PDB file of N, CA and C in Angstrom:
ATOM      1  N   MET A   1      -5.427   8.266   6.793  1.00  0.00           N
ATOM      2  CA  MET A   1      -4.703   7.081   7.164  1.00  0.00           C
ATOM      3  C   MET A   1      -4.922   6.264   6.378  1.00  0.00           C
ATOM      4  N   MET A   2      -3.554   5.074   5.917  1.00  0.00           N
ATOM      5  CA  MET A   2      -4.000   4.104   5.879  1.00  0.00           C
ATOM      6  C   MET A   2      -3.246   3.523   6.529  1.00  0.00           C
ATOM      7  N   ASP A   3      -4.230   2.433   7.378  1.00  0.00           N
ATOM      8  CA  ASP A   3      -3.609   1.684   8.651  1.00  0.00           C
ATOM      9  C   ASP A   3      -4.331   0.604   9.002  1.00  0.00           C
ATOM     10  N   GLU A   4      -4.876  -0.456   7.341  1.00  0.00           N
ATOM     11  CA  GLU A   4      -5.399  -1.510   7.218  1.00  0.00           C
ATOM     12  C   GLU A   4      -4.639  -2.130   5.794  1.00  0.00           C
ATOM     13  N   LYS A   5      -4.535  -3.065   6.078  1.00  0.00           N
ATOM     14  CA  LYS A   5      -3.725  -4.385   4.908  1.00  0.00           C
ATOM     15  C   LYS A   5      -5.042  -4.795   3.952  1.00  0.00           C
ATOM     16  N   VAL A   6      -5.086  -4.897   2.809  1.00  0.00           N
ATOM     17  CA  VAL A   6      -5.798  -5.553   2.140  1.00  0.00           C
ATOM     18  C   VAL A   6      -4.913  -6.201   0.741  1.00  0.00           C
ATOM     19  N   THR A   7      -5.842  -6.890   0.702  1.00  0.00           N
ATOM     20  CA  THR A   7      -5.216  -7.865  -0.526  1.00  0.00           C
ATOM     21  C   THR A   7      -6.328  -8.161  -1.831  1.00  0.00           C
ATOM     22  N   PHE A   8      -5.259  -8.228  -3.039  1.00  0.00           N
ATOM     23  CA  PHE A   8      -6.091  -7.744  -4.121  1.00  0.00           C
ATOM     24  C   PHE A   8      -6.083  -9.114  -4.429  1.00  0.00           C
ATOM     25  N   GLN A   9      -6.911  -9.545  -5.030  1.00  0.00           N
ATOM     26  CA  GLN A   9      -7.289 -11.140  -5.820  1.00  0.00           C
ATOM     27  C   GLN A   9      -7.864 -10.907  -7.612  1.00  0.00           C
ATOM     28  N   THR A  10      -7.040 -11.923  -8.516  1.00  0.00           N
ATOM     29  CA  THR A  10      -7.100 -12.247  -8.854  1.00  0.00           C
ATOM     30  C   THR A  10      -7.902 -13.220  -9.915  1.00  0.00           C
ATOM     31  N   PRO A  11      -8.765 -13.322 -10.904  1.00  0.00           N
ATOM     32  CA  PRO A  11      -9.725 -14.776 -10.997  1.00  0.00           C
ATOM     33  C   PRO A  11      -9.007 -15.592 -11.810  1.00  0.00           C
ATOM     34  N   SER A  12      -8.409 -16.571 -11.240  1.00  0.00           N
ATOM     35  CA  SER A  12      -7.439 -17.815 -11.825  1.00  0.00           C
ATOM     36  C   SER A  12      -8.317 -19.293 -12.118  1.00  0.00           C
ATOM     37  N   ALA A  13      -8.072 -19.868 -13.243  1.00  0.00           N
ATOM     38  CA  ALA A  13      -8.367 -20.980 -13.141  1.00  0.00           C
ATOM     39  C   ALA A  13      -7.114 -22.203 -13.331  1.00  0.00           C
ATOM     40  N   GLY A  14      -8.008 -23.636 -12.600  1.00  0.00           N
ATOM     41  CA  GLY A  14      -7.118 -24.381 -12.175  1.00  0.00           C
ATOM     42  C   GLY A  14      -7.980 -25.950 -13.105  1.00  0.00           C
ATOM     43  N   LYS A  15      -7.382 -26.880 -12.878  1.00  0.00           N
ATOM     44  CA  LYS A  15      -8.309 -28.251 -12.862  1.00  0.00           C
ATOM     45  C   LYS A  15      -8.277 -29.104 -11.684  1.00  0.00           C
ATOM     46  N   ASP A  16      -9.603 -29.520 -11.323  1.00  0.00           N
ATOM     47  CA  ASP A  16      -9.931 -30.734 -10.371  1.00  0.00           C
ATOM     48  C   ASP A  16      -8.787 -31.905 -10.610  1.00  0.00           C
ATOM     49  N   SER A  17      -9.093 -32.848  -9.689  1.00  0.00           N
ATOM     50  CA  SER A  17      -8.314 -34.575  -9.359  1.00  0.00           C
ATOM     51  C   SER A  17      -9.485 -35.127 -11.061  1.00  0.00           C
ATOM     52  N   ALA A  18      -9.980 -34.551 -11.536  1.00  0.00           N
ATOM     53  CA  ALA A  18     -11.036 -35.527 -12.531  1.00  0.00           C
ATOM     54  C   ALA A  18     -10.844 -34.289 -13.732  1.00  0.00           C
ATOM     55  N   GLY A  19      -9.662 -33.538 -13.986  1.00  0.00           N
ATOM     56  CA  GLY A  19      -9.509 -32.999 -14.742  1.00  0.00           C
ATOM     57  C   GLY A  19     -10.717 -31.796 -15.298  1.00  0.00           C
ATOM     58  N   GLN A  20     -11.303 -31.510 -14.888  1.00  0.00           N
ATOM     59  CA  GLN A  20     -12.691 -30.052 -14.676  1.00  0.00           C
ATOM     60  C   GLN A  20     -11.779 -28.875 -14.702  1.00  0.00           C
ATOM     61  N   VAL A  21     -12.329 -27.974 -15.424  1.00  0.00           N
ATOM     62  CA  VAL A  21     -11.941 -26.576 -14.791  1.00  0.00           C
ATOM     63  C   VAL A  21     -12.371 -25.973 -13.681  1.00  0.00           C
ATOM     64  N   VAL A  22     -11.802 -25.439 -13.197  1.00  0.00           N
ATOM     65  CA  VAL A  22     -12.249 -24.529 -11.569  1.00  0.00           C
ATOM     66  C   VAL A  22     -12.334 -23.636 -11.635  1.00  0.00           C
ATOM     67  N   GLY A  23     -12.790 -22.321 -10.799  1.00  0.00           N
ATOM     68  CA  GLY A  23     -12.156 -21.269 -10.702  1.00  0.00           C
ATOM     69  C   GLY A  23     -11.704 -20.925  -9.415  1.00  0.00           C
ATOM     70  N   GLY A  24     -10.693 -20.146  -9.305  1.00  0.00           N
ATOM     71  CA  GLY A  24     -10.206 -20.101  -8.138  1.00  0.00           C
ATOM     72  C   GLY A  24      -9.307 -18.337  -8.204  1.00  0.00           C
ATOM     73  N   TRP A  25      -8.746 -18.255  -7.162  1.00  0.00           N
ATOM     74  CA  TRP A  25      -8.528 -16.881  -6.788  1.00  0.00           C
ATOM     75  C   TRP A  25      -6.543 -17.053  -6.519  1.00  0.00           C
ATOM     76  N   THR A  26      -6.214 -16.358  -7.318  1.00  0.00           N
ATOM     77  CA  THR A  26      -4.512 -15.542  -7.223  1.00  0.00           C
ATOM     78  C   THR A  26      -4.535 -14.148  -6.468  1.00  0.00           C
ATOM     79  N   SER A  27      -3.655 -14.405  -5.116  1.00  0.00           N
ATOM     80  CA  SER A  27      -3.748 -13.395  -4.196  1.00  0.00           C
ATOM     81  C   SER A  27      -2.243 -12.283  -4.783  1.00  0.00           C
ATOM     82  N   LEU A  28      -2.469 -10.777  -4.951  1.00  0.00           N
ATOM     83  CA  LEU A  28      -1.047 -10.049  -5.064  1.00  0.00           C
ATOM     84  C   LEU A  28      -0.637  -9.963  -3.800  1.00  0.00           C
ATOM     85  N   ASP A  29       0.424  -8.973  -3.414  1.00  0.00           N
ATOM     86  CA  ASP A  29       0.722  -8.451  -2.316  1.00  0.00           C
ATOM     87  C   ASP A  29       0.235  -7.836  -1.539  1.00  0.00           C
ATOM     88  N   PRO A  30      -0.243  -7.790  -0.307  1.00  0.00           N
ATOM     89  CA  PRO A  30      -0.978  -7.463   0.062  1.00  0.00           C
ATOM     90  C   PRO A  30      -0.593  -5.636   0.568  1.00  0.00           C
ATOM     91  N   VAL A  31      -1.727  -4.864   0.604  1.00  0.00           N
ATOM     92  CA  VAL A  31      -1.310  -3.257   0.186  1.00  0.00           C
ATOM     93  C   VAL A  31      -1.971  -2.239   1.377  1.00  0.00           C
ATOM     94  N   TRP A  32      -1.320  -1.448   1.475  1.00  0.00           N
ATOM     95  CA  TRP A  32      -1.914  -0.531   2.734  1.00  0.00           C
ATOM     96  C   TRP A  32      -3.803   0.439   2.078  1.00  0.00           C
ATOM     97  N   ALA A  33      -4.408   0.806   2.816  1.00  0.00           N
ATOM     98  CA  ALA A  33      -5.692   0.850   2.673  1.00  0.00           C
ATOM     99  C   ALA A  33      -6.246   1.952   3.739  1.00  0.00           C
ATOM    100  N   ASP A  34      -7.335   2.472   3.610  1.00  0.00           N
ATOM    101  CA  ASP A  34      -7.834   3.437   4.323  1.00  0.00           C
ATOM    102  C   ASP A  34      -9.306   3.193   3.974  1.00  0.00           C
ATOM    103  N   ALA A  35      -9.979   2.084   4.994  1.00  0.00           N
ATOM    104  CA  ALA A  35     -11.472   1.538   4.640  1.00  0.00           C
ATOM    105  C   ALA A  35     -12.583   3.483   4.912  1.00  0.00           C
ATOM    106  N   ARG A  36     -13.319   3.125   3.706  1.00  0.00           N
ATOM    107  CA  ARG A  36     -13.794   4.517   4.187  1.00  0.00           C
ATOM    108  C   ARG A  36     -15.315   4.024   3.714  1.00  0.00           C
ATOM    109  N   PHE A  37     -16.209   4.778   3.824  1.00  0.00           N
ATOM    110  CA  PHE A  37     -18.083   5.141   3.280  1.00  0.00           C
ATOM    111  C   PHE A  37     -18.445   3.396   3.666  1.00  0.00           C
ATOM    112  N   PRO A  38     -17.887   2.497   5.086  1.00  0.00           N
ATOM    113  CA  PRO A  38     -18.821   1.510   4.998  1.00  0.00           C
ATOM    114  C   PRO A  38     -20.329   1.771   4.821  1.00  0.00           C
ATOM    115  N   THR A  39     -21.542   0.868   4.435  1.00  0.00           N
ATOM    116  CA  THR A  39     -22.574   1.202   4.561  1.00  0.00           C
ATOM    117  C   THR A  39     -23.440  -0.381   4.269  1.00  0.00           C
ATOM    118  N   GLY A  40     -24.575  -0.213   4.430  1.00  0.00           N
ATOM    119  CA  GLY A  40     -24.970  -1.594   4.269  1.00  0.00           C
ATOM    120  C   GLY A  40     -26.885  -1.528   4.297  1.00  0.00           C
ATOM    121  N   ALA A  41     -27.271  -2.875   3.602  1.00  0.00           N
ATOM    122  CA  ALA A  41     -28.149  -2.712   3.555  1.00  0.00           C
ATOM    123  C   ALA A  41     -29.076  -4.003   2.802  1.00  0.00           C
ATOM    124  N   GLU A  42     -30.102  -4.222   3.398  1.00  0.00           N
ATOM    125  CA  GLU A  42     -30.575  -5.630   2.759  1.00  0.00           C
ATOM    126  C   GLU A  42     -31.546  -5.554   1.747  1.00  0.00           C
ATOM    127  N   VAL A  43     -31.255  -6.278   0.306  1.00  0.00           N
ATOM    128  CA  VAL A  43     -31.818  -6.880  -0.854  1.00  0.00           C
ATOM    129  C   VAL A  43     -32.520  -7.598  -0.848  1.00  0.00           C
ATOM    130  N   VAL A  44     -33.111  -7.829  -2.210  1.00  0.00           N
ATOM    131  CA  VAL A  44     -33.692  -9.427  -2.212  1.00  0.00           C
ATOM    132  C   VAL A  44     -32.805  -9.791  -3.576  1.00  0.00           C
ATOM    133  N   ARG A  45     -32.233 -11.069  -3.456  1.00  0.00           N
ATOM    134  CA  ARG A  45     -31.632 -11.603  -4.955  1.00  0.00           C
ATOM    135  C   ARG A  45     -32.278 -12.819  -4.887  1.00  0.00           C
ATOM    136  N   GLY A  46     -32.661 -13.413  -6.083  1.00  0.00           N
ATOM    137  CA  GLY A  46     -33.412 -14.661  -6.270  1.00  0.00           C
ATOM    138  C   GLY A  46     -34.486 -15.644  -4.979  1.00  0.00           C
ATOM    139  N   GLY A  47     -35.433 -14.175  -4.690  1.00  0.00           N
ATOM    140  CA  GLY A  47     -36.469 -14.835  -3.811  1.00  0.00           C
ATOM    141  C   GLY A  47     -35.905 -14.650  -2.365  1.00  0.00           C
ATOM    142  N   LEU A  48     -35.051 -14.158  -2.352  1.00  0.00           N
ATOM    143  CA  LEU A  48     -34.314 -14.395  -0.487  1.00  0.00           C
ATOM    144  C   LEU A  48     -33.809 -12.595  -0.419  1.00  0.00           C
ATOM    145  N   THR A  49     -33.710 -12.739   1.121  1.00  0.00           N
ATOM    146  CA  THR A  49     -33.475 -11.014   1.681  1.00  0.00           C
ATOM    147  C   THR A  49     -31.866 -11.385   2.103  1.00  0.00           C
ATOM    148  N   VAL A  50     -30.955 -10.797   0.993  1.00  0.00           N
ATOM    149  CA  VAL A  50     -30.017 -10.786   1.687  1.00  0.00           C
ATOM    150  C   VAL A  50     -28.983  -9.588   2.107  1.00  0.00           C
ATOM    151  N   ALA A  51     -27.998  -9.836   2.906  1.00  0.00           N
ATOM    152  CA  ALA A  51     -27.252  -8.611   3.586  1.00  0.00           C
ATOM    153  C   ALA A  51     -26.031  -7.867   2.749  1.00  0.00           C
ATOM    154  N   THR A  52     -26.104  -6.680   2.328  1.00  0.00           N
ATOM    155  CA  THR A  52     -25.059  -6.658   1.508  1.00  0.00           C
ATOM    156  C   THR A  52     -24.305  -5.258   2.647  1.00  0.00           C
ATOM    157  N   LYS A  53     -22.689  -5.349   1.849  1.00  0.00           N
ATOM    158  CA  LYS A  53     -22.206  -4.171   3.195  1.00  0.00           C
ATOM    159  C   LYS A  53     -21.019  -3.758   1.275  1.00  0.00           C
ATOM    160  N   ARG A  54     -21.231  -2.457   1.661  1.00  0.00           N
ATOM    161  CA  ARG A  54     -20.381  -1.195   0.228  1.00  0.00           C
ATOM    162  C   ARG A  54     -19.508  -0.629   1.131  1.00  0.00           C
ATOM    163  N   ALA A  55     -18.471  -0.385   0.723  1.00  0.00           N
ATOM    164  CA  ALA A  55     -17.037   0.200   0.905  1.00  0.00           C
ATOM    165  C   ALA A  55     -16.460   0.248   0.526  1.00  0.00           C
ATOM    166  N   SER A  56     -15.333   1.572   0.605  1.00  0.00           N
ATOM    167  CA  SER A  56     -14.910   2.423  -0.255  1.00  0.00           C
ATOM    168  C   SER A  56     -12.999   2.315   0.285  1.00  0.00           C
ATOM    169  N   PHE A  57     -12.212   2.099  -0.527  1.00  0.00           N
ATOM    170  CA  PHE A  57     -11.118   1.587  -0.187  1.00  0.00           C
ATOM    171  C   PHE A  57     -10.105   2.298  -1.015  1.00  0.00           C
ATOM    172  N   ARG A  58      -9.113   3.207   0.367  1.00  0.00           N
ATOM    173  CA  ARG A  58      -8.859   4.431  -0.493  1.00  0.00           C
ATOM    174  C   ARG A  58      -7.436   3.314  -0.659  1.00  0.00           C
ATOM    175  N   VAL A  59      -6.610   3.637  -1.781  1.00  0.00           N
ATOM    176  CA  VAL A  59      -5.073   2.874  -1.906  1.00  0.00           C
ATOM    177  C   VAL A  59      -4.491   3.662  -2.509  1.00  0.00           C
ATOM    178  N   ARG A  60      -2.993   3.517  -2.458  1.00  0.00           N
ATOM    179  CA  ARG A  60      -2.198   4.077  -3.868  1.00  0.00           C
ATOM    180  C   ARG A  60      -2.576   3.573  -5.321  1.00  0.00           C
ATOM    181  N   ALA A  61      -2.198   4.463  -6.250  1.00  0.00           N
ATOM    182  CA  ALA A  61      -2.955   4.413  -7.524  1.00  0.00           C
ATOM    183  C   ALA A  61      -2.078   3.169  -8.016  1.00  0.00           C
ATOM    184  N   ARG A  62      -2.474   2.486  -8.316  1.00  0.00           N
ATOM    185  CA  ARG A  62      -1.632   1.129  -9.171  1.00  0.00           C
ATOM    186  C   ARG A  62      -2.764   1.248 -10.488  1.00  0.00           C
ATOM    187  N   ALA A  63      -2.368   0.810 -11.860  1.00  0.00           N
ATOM    188  CA  ALA A  63      -2.912   0.533 -13.000  1.00  0.00           C
ATOM    189  C   ALA A  63      -3.222  -0.964 -13.446  1.00  0.00           C
ATOM    190  N   ASP A  64      -3.123  -2.006 -12.551  1.00  0.00           N
ATOM    191  CA  ASP A  64      -3.308  -3.202 -12.621  1.00  0.00           C
ATOM    192  C   ASP A  64      -4.866  -3.717 -11.515  1.00  0.00           C
ATOM    193  N   VAL A  65      -5.805  -3.641 -10.980  1.00  0.00           N
ATOM    194  CA  VAL A  65      -6.732  -3.666 -10.912  1.00  0.00           C
ATOM    195  C   VAL A  65      -7.490  -3.211 -11.590  1.00  0.00           C
ATOM    196  N   ASP A  66      -8.541  -3.879 -11.787  1.00  0.00           N
ATOM    197  CA  ASP A  66     -10.205  -3.609 -12.622  1.00  0.00           C
ATOM    198  C   ASP A  66     -11.137  -4.531 -11.961  1.00  0.00           C
ATOM    199  N   THR A  67     -12.235  -4.879 -12.247  1.00  0.00           N
ATOM    200  CA  THR A  67     -13.573  -5.085 -12.083  1.00  0.00           C
ATOM    201  C   THR A  67     -13.985  -6.747 -11.745  1.00  0.00           C
ATOM    202  N   THR A  68     -12.972  -7.029 -12.504  1.00  0.00           N
ATOM    203  CA  THR A  68     -12.764  -8.649 -12.247  1.00  0.00           C
ATOM    204  C   THR A  68     -12.399  -9.088 -11.453  1.00  0.00           C
ATOM    205  N   MET A  69     -11.662  -8.184 -10.691  1.00  0.00           N
ATOM    206  CA  MET A  69     -10.990  -8.809  -9.157  1.00  0.00           C
ATOM    207  C   MET A  69     -12.161  -8.833  -8.232  1.00  0.00           C
ATOM    208  N   ARG A  70     -11.130  -9.166  -7.325  1.00  0.00           N
ATOM    209  CA  ARG A  70     -11.578  -8.630  -5.428  1.00  0.00           C
ATOM    210  C   ARG A  70     -10.978  -8.340  -4.527  1.00  0.00           C
ATOM    211  N   LEU A  71     -11.160  -7.639  -3.528  1.00  0.00           N
ATOM    212  CA  LEU A  71     -10.567  -7.780  -2.522  1.00  0.00           C
ATOM    213  C   LEU A  71     -10.815  -8.328  -1.490  1.00  0.00           C
ATOM    214  N   LEU A  72      -9.986  -8.561  -0.618  1.00  0.00           N
ATOM    215  CA  LEU A  72      -9.407  -9.158   1.189  1.00  0.00           C
ATOM    216  C   LEU A  72      -9.957  -8.188   1.862  1.00  0.00           C
ATOM    217  N   HIS A  73     -10.735  -8.100   3.070  1.00  0.00           N
ATOM    218  CA  HIS A  73     -10.407  -7.292   3.982  1.00  0.00           C
ATOM    219  C   HIS A  73     -10.791  -7.830   5.060  1.00  0.00           C
ATOM    220  N   ASN A  74     -10.162  -7.844   6.191  1.00  0.00           N
ATOM    221  CA  ASN A  74     -10.042  -8.252   7.597  1.00  0.00           C
ATOM    222  C   ASN A  74     -10.920 -10.063   7.279  1.00  0.00           C
ATOM    223  N   GLY A  75     -10.453 -10.839   6.558  1.00  0.00           N
ATOM    224  CA  GLY A  75     -11.066 -11.970   6.383  1.00  0.00           C
ATOM    225  C   GLY A  75     -12.576 -12.192   4.946  1.00  0.00           C
ATOM    226  N   GLU A  76     -12.953 -10.944   4.748  1.00  0.00           N
ATOM    227  CA  GLU A  76     -13.738 -11.096   4.081  1.00  0.00           C
ATOM    228  C   GLU A  76     -13.540 -10.404   2.546  1.00  0.00           C
ATOM    229  N   ALA A  77     -14.380 -11.062   1.616  1.00  0.00           N
ATOM    230  CA  ALA A  77     -13.717 -10.963   0.369  1.00  0.00           C
ATOM    231  C   ALA A  77     -14.973 -10.006  -0.466  1.00  0.00           C
ATOM    232  N   TYR A  78     -14.999  -9.074  -1.289  1.00  0.00           N
ATOM    233  CA  TYR A  78     -15.230  -7.945  -1.318  1.00  0.00           C
ATOM    234  C   TYR A  78     -15.249  -8.154  -3.108  1.00  0.00           C
ATOM    235  N   ASP A  79     -16.479  -8.097  -3.990  1.00  0.00           N
ATOM    236  CA  ASP A  79     -16.274  -7.907  -4.853  1.00  0.00           C
ATOM    237  C   ASP A  79     -16.125  -6.176  -5.569  1.00  0.00           C
ATOM    238  N   ILE A  80     -15.468  -6.738  -6.489  1.00  0.00           N
ATOM    239  CA  ILE A  80     -14.610  -4.648  -6.886  1.00  0.00           C
ATOM    240  C   ILE A  80     -15.805  -4.402  -8.055  1.00  0.00           C
ATOM    241  N   GLN A  81     -16.649  -2.943  -7.540  1.00  0.00           N
ATOM    242  CA  GLN A  81     -17.182  -3.077  -8.678  1.00  0.00           C
ATOM    243  C   GLN A  81     -16.560  -1.557  -9.463  1.00  0.00           C
ATOM    244  N   ALA A  82     -16.141  -0.947  -8.897  1.00  0.00           N
ATOM    245  CA  ALA A  82     -15.481   0.267  -9.614  1.00  0.00           C
ATOM    246  C   ALA A  82     -13.958   0.729  -8.637  1.00  0.00           C
ATOM    247  N   VAL A  83     -13.308   1.272  -9.979  1.00  0.00           N
ATOM    248  CA  VAL A  83     -11.908   1.680  -9.379  1.00  0.00           C
ATOM    249  C   VAL A  83     -12.551   3.097  -9.820  1.00  0.00           C
ATOM    250  N   LEU A  84     -11.927   3.919  -9.084  1.00  0.00           N
ATOM    251  CA  LEU A  84     -11.819   5.767  -9.533  1.00  0.00           C
ATOM    252  C   LEU A  84     -10.497   6.145  -8.609  1.00  0.00           C
ATOM    253  N   PRO A  85     -10.286   7.563  -9.725  1.00  0.00           N
ATOM    254  CA  PRO A  85      -9.444   7.785  -9.398  1.00  0.00           C
ATOM    255  C   PRO A  85      -9.805   9.183  -7.910  1.00  0.00           C
ATOM    256  N   ASP A  86      -8.820   9.226  -6.815  1.00  0.00           N
ATOM    257  CA  ASP A  86      -9.063  10.429  -6.594  1.00  0.00           C
ATOM    258  C   ASP A  86      -8.581  11.335  -6.702  1.00  0.00           C
ATOM    259  N   SER A  87      -9.912  12.747  -6.804  1.00  0.00           N
ATOM    260  CA  SER A  87      -9.622  13.616  -7.578  1.00  0.00           C
ATOM    261  C   SER A  87      -9.195  14.840  -6.654  1.00  0.00           C
ATOM    262  N   LYS A  88      -8.010  14.587  -5.835  1.00  0.00           N
ATOM    263  CA  LYS A  88      -7.661  15.748  -4.869  1.00  0.00           C
ATOM    264  C   LYS A  88      -6.103  15.057  -4.944  1.00  0.00           C
ATOM    265  N   ASP A  89      -6.075  14.140  -4.770  1.00  0.00           N
ATOM    266  CA  ASP A  89      -4.787  13.141  -4.654  1.00  0.00           C
ATOM    267  C   ASP A  89      -4.280  12.551  -6.337  1.00  0.00           C
ATOM    268  N   ARG A  90      -3.990  12.321  -7.503  1.00  0.00           N
ATOM    269  CA  ARG A  90      -3.418  11.350  -8.414  1.00  0.00           C
ATOM    270  C   ARG A  90      -2.435  10.024  -8.231  1.00  0.00           C
ATOM    271  N   ARG A  91      -2.154  10.296  -6.717  1.00  0.00           N
ATOM    272  CA  ARG A  91      -1.143   9.022  -6.512  1.00  0.00           C
ATOM    273  C   ARG A  91      -2.112   8.225  -5.680  1.00  0.00           C
ATOM    274  N   PHE A  92      -3.108   8.106  -5.424  1.00  0.00           N
ATOM    275  CA  PHE A  92      -4.084   7.397  -4.697  1.00  0.00           C
ATOM    276  C   PHE A  92      -6.016   7.584  -5.660  1.00  0.00           C
ATOM    277  N   MET A  93      -6.249   6.200  -5.708  1.00  0.00           N
ATOM    278  CA  MET A  93      -7.375   6.135  -5.888  1.00  0.00           C
ATOM    279  C   MET A  93      -8.297   5.028  -4.802  1.00  0.00           C
ATOM    280  N   PHE A  94      -9.810   5.002  -5.497  1.00  0.00           N
ATOM    281  CA  PHE A  94     -10.655   4.595  -4.911  1.00  0.00           C
ATOM    282  C   PHE A  94     -11.140   2.902  -5.429  1.00  0.00           C
ATOM    283  N   VAL A  95     -11.519   2.355  -4.616  1.00  0.00           N
ATOM    284  CA  VAL A  95     -11.650   0.967  -5.162  1.00  0.00           C
ATOM    285  C   VAL A  95     -13.381   0.640  -4.610  1.00  0.00           C
ATOM    286  N   VAL A  96     -14.331   0.427  -5.218  1.00  0.00           N
ATOM    287  CA  VAL A  96     -15.418   0.473  -4.198  1.00  0.00           C
ATOM    288  C   VAL A  96     -15.881  -0.673  -4.869  1.00  0.00           C
ATOM    289  N   CYS A  97     -16.343  -1.336  -3.347  1.00  0.00           N
ATOM    290  CA  CYS A  97     -16.478  -2.813  -3.234  1.00  0.00           C
ATOM    291  C   CYS A  97     -18.068  -3.460  -2.876  1.00  0.00           C
ATOM    292  N   GLU A  98     -18.442  -4.446  -2.399  1.00  0.00           N
ATOM    293  CA  GLU A  98     -19.523  -5.277  -2.173  1.00  0.00           C
ATOM    294  C   GLU A  98     -19.247  -6.343  -1.863  1.00  0.00           C
ATOM    295  N   SER A  99     -19.869  -6.581  -0.711  1.00  0.00           N
ATOM    296  CA  SER A  99     -20.246  -7.596  -0.327  1.00  0.00           C
ATOM    297  C   SER A  99     -21.341  -8.574   0.196  1.00  0.00           C
ATOM    298  N   ALA A 100     -21.698  -9.502  -0.068  1.00  0.00           N
ATOM    299  CA  ALA A 100     -23.224 -10.035   0.264  1.00  0.00           C
ATOM    300  C   ALA A 100     -22.894 -11.224   1.119  1.00  0.00           C
ATOM    301  N   LYS A 101     -23.658 -11.304   1.770  1.00  0.00           N
ATOM    302  CA  LYS A 101     -23.782 -13.136   3.219  1.00  0.00           C
ATOM    303  C   LYS A 101     -25.054 -13.521   2.515  1.00  0.00           C
TER     304      LYS A 101
END
């Protein structure tokens, strides 16, 4: 059941007041999704223990989503790790994500 809104974001670059290039994100229109398989773990990154969350979001299939993007869900940003077709119904796909805090 797709009962949660998510927003895909694409990386974008702009310039700050000093003319330096800075990174940012451009939001696409929100879509309905079904959050699935949420898991969590603690990993060591750069000598620090960091909590990570992994989740998979089932959305309607679209061609404009890739691993350079991120997904916003309930105010939290998730890096897209993989975009996989739904083998049972080609009208949908799974977006596998990870969020580190």
